[in-house]
Amino acid sequence: MNKKGAKGYWISTSTITNPALFAEYVDKVGPWLKEVGGVVFAKDTQPQGKENTESANLAIICEFPSMKAEVEAYESAEYQELNKIRKVATKNATFTIMEGMDEAEKLRRAMGK
């Protein structure tokens, strides 16, 4: 964990069951995400769900500067309050925190090693 130069990612899928409440979550989480150094890396409202995510109507990846930054963001009191809204507005949600490749690994792959 915390490989040099590795970014951190939140990966989530869910089925939005309360669009109005989810819109409230999005309105609040967007500015907060910027404050903590996160960005929406990818978003799809028609994902091809596989393996227990077939009903998902949202898939999202958020990128953070590091694994440490993403864990701290997730565990923060601010996000835990926002997360309550997300959980009520969705069902069948998945949420994974993961670390990306470090710069050395990216270089090795680019060189075919």
C-alpha atoms as a PDB file:
ATOM      1  CA  MET A   1       0.000   0.000   0.000  1.00  0.00           C
ATOM      2  CA  ASN A   2       1.063   3.580  -0.679  1.00  0.00           C
ATOM      3  CA  LYS A   3       3.304   2.788  -3.627  1.00  0.00           C
ATOM      4  CA  LYS A   4       5.286   5.811  -4.792  1.00  0.00           C
ATOM      5  CA  GLY A   5       3.285   7.730  -7.354  1.00  0.00           C
ATOM      6  CA  ALA A   6       0.261   5.423  -7.159  1.00  0.00           C
ATOM      7  CA  LYS A   7      -3.153   7.018  -7.201  1.00  0.00           C
ATOM      8  CA  GLY A   8      -6.128   5.744  -5.245  1.00  0.00           C
ATOM      9  CA  TYR A   9      -9.565   4.872  -6.605  1.00  0.00           C
ATOM     10  CA  TRP A  10     -13.105   4.453  -5.367  1.00  0.00           C
ATOM     11  CA  ILE A  11     -15.074   2.058  -7.548  1.00  0.00           C
ATOM     12  CA  SER A  12     -18.805   1.814  -7.011  1.00  0.00           C
ATOM     13  CA  THR A  13     -21.883   0.405  -8.685  1.00  0.00           C
ATOM     14  CA  SER A  14     -25.450   0.791  -7.519  1.00  0.00           C
ATOM     15  CA  THR A  15     -29.068   0.878  -8.513  1.00  0.00           C
ATOM     16  CA  ILE A  16     -30.519   4.327  -7.890  1.00  0.00           C
ATOM     17  CA  THR A  17     -33.955   3.907  -6.324  1.00  0.00           C
ATOM     18  CA  ASN A  18     -34.618   7.506  -5.291  1.00  0.00           C
ATOM     19  CA  PRO A  19     -33.393   9.849  -8.049  1.00  0.00           C
ATOM     20  CA  ALA A  20     -34.304  13.053  -6.173  1.00  0.00           C
ATOM     21  CA  LEU A  21     -32.413  12.012  -3.063  1.00  0.00           C
ATOM     22  CA  PHE A  22     -29.481  10.781  -5.153  1.00  0.00           C
ATOM     23  CA  ALA A  23     -29.388  14.166  -6.921  1.00  0.00           C
ATOM     24  CA  GLU A  24     -29.069  15.771  -3.474  1.00  0.00           C
ATOM     25  CA  TYR A  25     -26.112  13.463  -2.743  1.00  0.00           C
ATOM     26  CA  VAL A  26     -24.449  14.403  -6.049  1.00  0.00           C
ATOM     27  CA  ASP A  27     -24.954  18.129  -5.386  1.00  0.00           C
ATOM     28  CA  LYS A  28     -23.243  17.785  -2.011  1.00  0.00           C
ATOM     29  CA  VAL A  29     -20.546  15.241  -2.805  1.00  0.00           C
ATOM     30  CA  GLY A  30     -19.247  17.049  -5.915  1.00  0.00           C
ATOM     31  CA  PRO A  31     -17.859  20.139  -4.142  1.00  0.00           C
ATOM     32  CA  TRP A  32     -16.657  18.021  -1.197  1.00  0.00           C
ATOM     33  CA  LEU A  33     -14.797  15.688  -3.569  1.00  0.00           C
ATOM     34  CA  LYS A  34     -12.871  18.644  -5.016  1.00  0.00           C
ATOM     35  CA  GLU A  35     -11.981  19.834  -1.499  1.00  0.00           C
ATOM     36  CA  VAL A  36     -10.348  16.487  -0.680  1.00  0.00           C
ATOM     37  CA  GLY A  37      -8.466  16.215  -3.980  1.00  0.00           C
ATOM     38  CA  GLY A  38     -10.732  13.676  -5.654  1.00  0.00           C
ATOM     39  CA  VAL A  39     -12.153  13.748  -9.176  1.00  0.00           C
ATOM     40  CA  VAL A  40     -14.707  11.673 -11.021  1.00  0.00           C
ATOM     41  CA  PHE A  41     -12.531   9.584 -13.333  1.00  0.00           C
ATOM     42  CA  ALA A  42     -15.328   7.668 -15.095  1.00  0.00           C
ATOM     43  CA  LYS A  43     -19.110   7.479 -14.850  1.00  0.00           C
ATOM     44  CA  ASP A  44     -21.689   5.375 -16.681  1.00  0.00           C
ATOM     45  CA  THR A  45     -25.465   5.439 -16.177  1.00  0.00           C
ATOM     46  CA  GLN A  46     -25.923   2.375 -18.384  1.00  0.00           C
ATOM     47  CA  PRO A  47     -23.180   0.008 -17.237  1.00  0.00           C
ATOM     48  CA  GLN A  48     -23.126  -3.605 -18.362  1.00  0.00           C
ATOM     49  CA  GLY A  49     -23.454  -5.193 -14.947  1.00  0.00           C
ATOM     50  CA  LYS A  50     -21.994  -8.652 -14.477  1.00  0.00           C
ATOM     51  CA  GLU A  51     -21.720 -10.953 -11.473  1.00  0.00           C
ATOM     52  CA  ASN A  52     -24.325  -9.543  -9.070  1.00  0.00           C
ATOM     53  CA  THR A  53     -24.363  -6.036 -10.550  1.00  0.00           C
ATOM     54  CA  GLU A  54     -26.808  -6.702 -13.410  1.00  0.00           C
ATOM     55  CA  SER A  55     -29.394  -4.244 -12.060  1.00  0.00           C
ATOM     56  CA  ALA A  56     -26.894  -1.395 -11.619  1.00  0.00           C
ATOM     57  CA  ASN A  57     -27.839   1.851 -13.327  1.00  0.00           C
ATOM     58  CA  LEU A  58     -24.732   3.678 -12.134  1.00  0.00           C
ATOM     59  CA  ALA A  59     -21.041   2.800 -12.159  1.00  0.00           C
ATOM     60  CA  ILE A  60     -18.497   5.361 -11.052  1.00  0.00           C
ATOM     61  CA  ILE A  61     -14.759   5.596 -10.473  1.00  0.00           C
ATOM     62  CA  CYS A  62     -13.293   8.441  -8.437  1.00  0.00           C
ATOM     63  CA  GLU A  63      -9.547   9.120  -8.498  1.00  0.00           C
ATOM     64  CA  PHE A  64      -7.498  10.476  -5.606  1.00  0.00           C
ATOM     65  CA  PRO A  65      -3.857  11.586  -5.452  1.00  0.00           C
ATOM     66  CA  SER A  66      -2.947   8.579  -3.263  1.00  0.00           C
ATOM     67  CA  MET A  67      -4.320   5.597  -1.373  1.00  0.00           C
ATOM     68  CA  LYS A  68      -3.867   7.523   1.854  1.00  0.00           C
ATOM     69  CA  ALA A  69      -5.930  10.441   0.542  1.00  0.00           C
ATOM     70  CA  GLU A  70      -8.792   8.209  -0.571  1.00  0.00           C
ATOM     71  CA  VAL A  71      -8.965   6.253   2.681  1.00  0.00           C
ATOM     72  CA  GLU A  72      -8.897   9.460   4.718  1.00  0.00           C
ATOM     73  CA  ALA A  73     -11.636  10.908   2.509  1.00  0.00           C
ATOM     74  CA  TYR A  74     -13.845   7.845   2.892  1.00  0.00           C
ATOM     75  CA  GLU A  75     -13.344   7.634   6.650  1.00  0.00           C
ATOM     76  CA  SER A  76     -13.926  11.361   7.222  1.00  0.00           C
ATOM     77  CA  ALA A  77     -16.947  12.474   9.213  1.00  0.00           C
ATOM     78  CA  GLU A  78     -18.005  14.641   6.281  1.00  0.00           C
ATOM     79  CA  TYR A  79     -18.172  11.743   3.847  1.00  0.00           C
ATOM     80  CA  GLN A  80     -19.822   9.411   6.317  1.00  0.00           C
ATOM     81  CA  GLU A  81     -22.690  11.918   6.569  1.00  0.00           C
ATOM     82  CA  LEU A  82     -22.917  12.133   2.760  1.00  0.00           C
ATOM     83  CA  ASN A  83     -22.688   8.358   2.512  1.00  0.00           C
ATOM     84  CA  LYS A  84     -25.877   8.016   4.553  1.00  0.00           C
ATOM     85  CA  ILE A  85     -27.742   9.841   1.781  1.00  0.00           C
ATOM     86  CA  ARG A  86     -26.186   7.623  -0.912  1.00  0.00           C
ATOM     87  CA  LYS A  87     -27.138   4.452   0.942  1.00  0.00           C
ATOM     88  CA  VAL A  88     -30.785   5.499   1.321  1.00  0.00           C
ATOM     89  CA  ALA A  89     -31.024   6.568  -2.349  1.00  0.00           C
ATOM     90  CA  THR A  90     -29.617   3.308  -3.758  1.00  0.00           C
ATOM     91  CA  LYS A  91     -29.763  -0.459  -3.418  1.00  0.00           C
ATOM     92  CA  ASN A  92     -27.426  -3.308  -4.313  1.00  0.00           C
ATOM     93  CA  ALA A  93     -24.459  -0.971  -3.971  1.00  0.00           C
ATOM     94  CA  THR A  94     -20.856  -2.101  -4.215  1.00  0.00           C
ATOM     95  CA  PHE A  95     -17.984   0.070  -3.022  1.00  0.00           C
ATOM     96  CA  THR A  96     -14.297  -0.765  -3.344  1.00  0.00           C
ATOM     97  CA  ILE A  97     -11.222   1.232  -2.414  1.00  0.00           C
ATOM     98  CA  MET A  98      -8.115   0.292  -4.372  1.00  0.00           C
ATOM     99  CA  GLU A  99      -4.635   1.498  -5.148  1.00  0.00           C
ATOM    100  CA  GLY A 100      -3.485   2.043  -8.732  1.00  0.00           C
ATOM    101  CA  MET A 101      -0.115   1.164 -10.222  1.00  0.00           C
ATOM    102  CA  ASP A 102       2.927   3.136  -9.176  1.00  0.00           C
ATOM    103  CA  GLU A 103       5.047   4.989 -11.730  1.00  0.00           C
ATOM    104  CA  ALA A 104       7.712   2.257 -11.867  1.00  0.00           C
ATOM    105  CA  GLU A 105       5.106  -0.392 -12.705  1.00  0.00           C
ATOM    106  CA  LYS A 106       3.618   1.819 -15.432  1.00  0.00           C
ATOM    107  CA  LEU A 107       7.082   2.253 -16.968  1.00  0.00           C
ATOM    108  CA  ARG A 108       7.794  -1.498 -16.851  1.00  0.00           C
ATOM    109  CA  ARG A 109       4.512  -2.209 -18.620  1.00  0.00           C
ATOM    110  CA  ALA A 110       5.129   0.462 -21.231  1.00  0.00           C
ATOM    111  CA  MET A 111       8.507  -1.145 -21.964  1.00  0.00           C
ATOM    112  CA  GLY A 112       6.902  -4.589 -22.287  1.00  0.00           C
ATOM    113  CA  LYS A 113       8.514  -6.041 -19.175  1.00  0.00           C
END
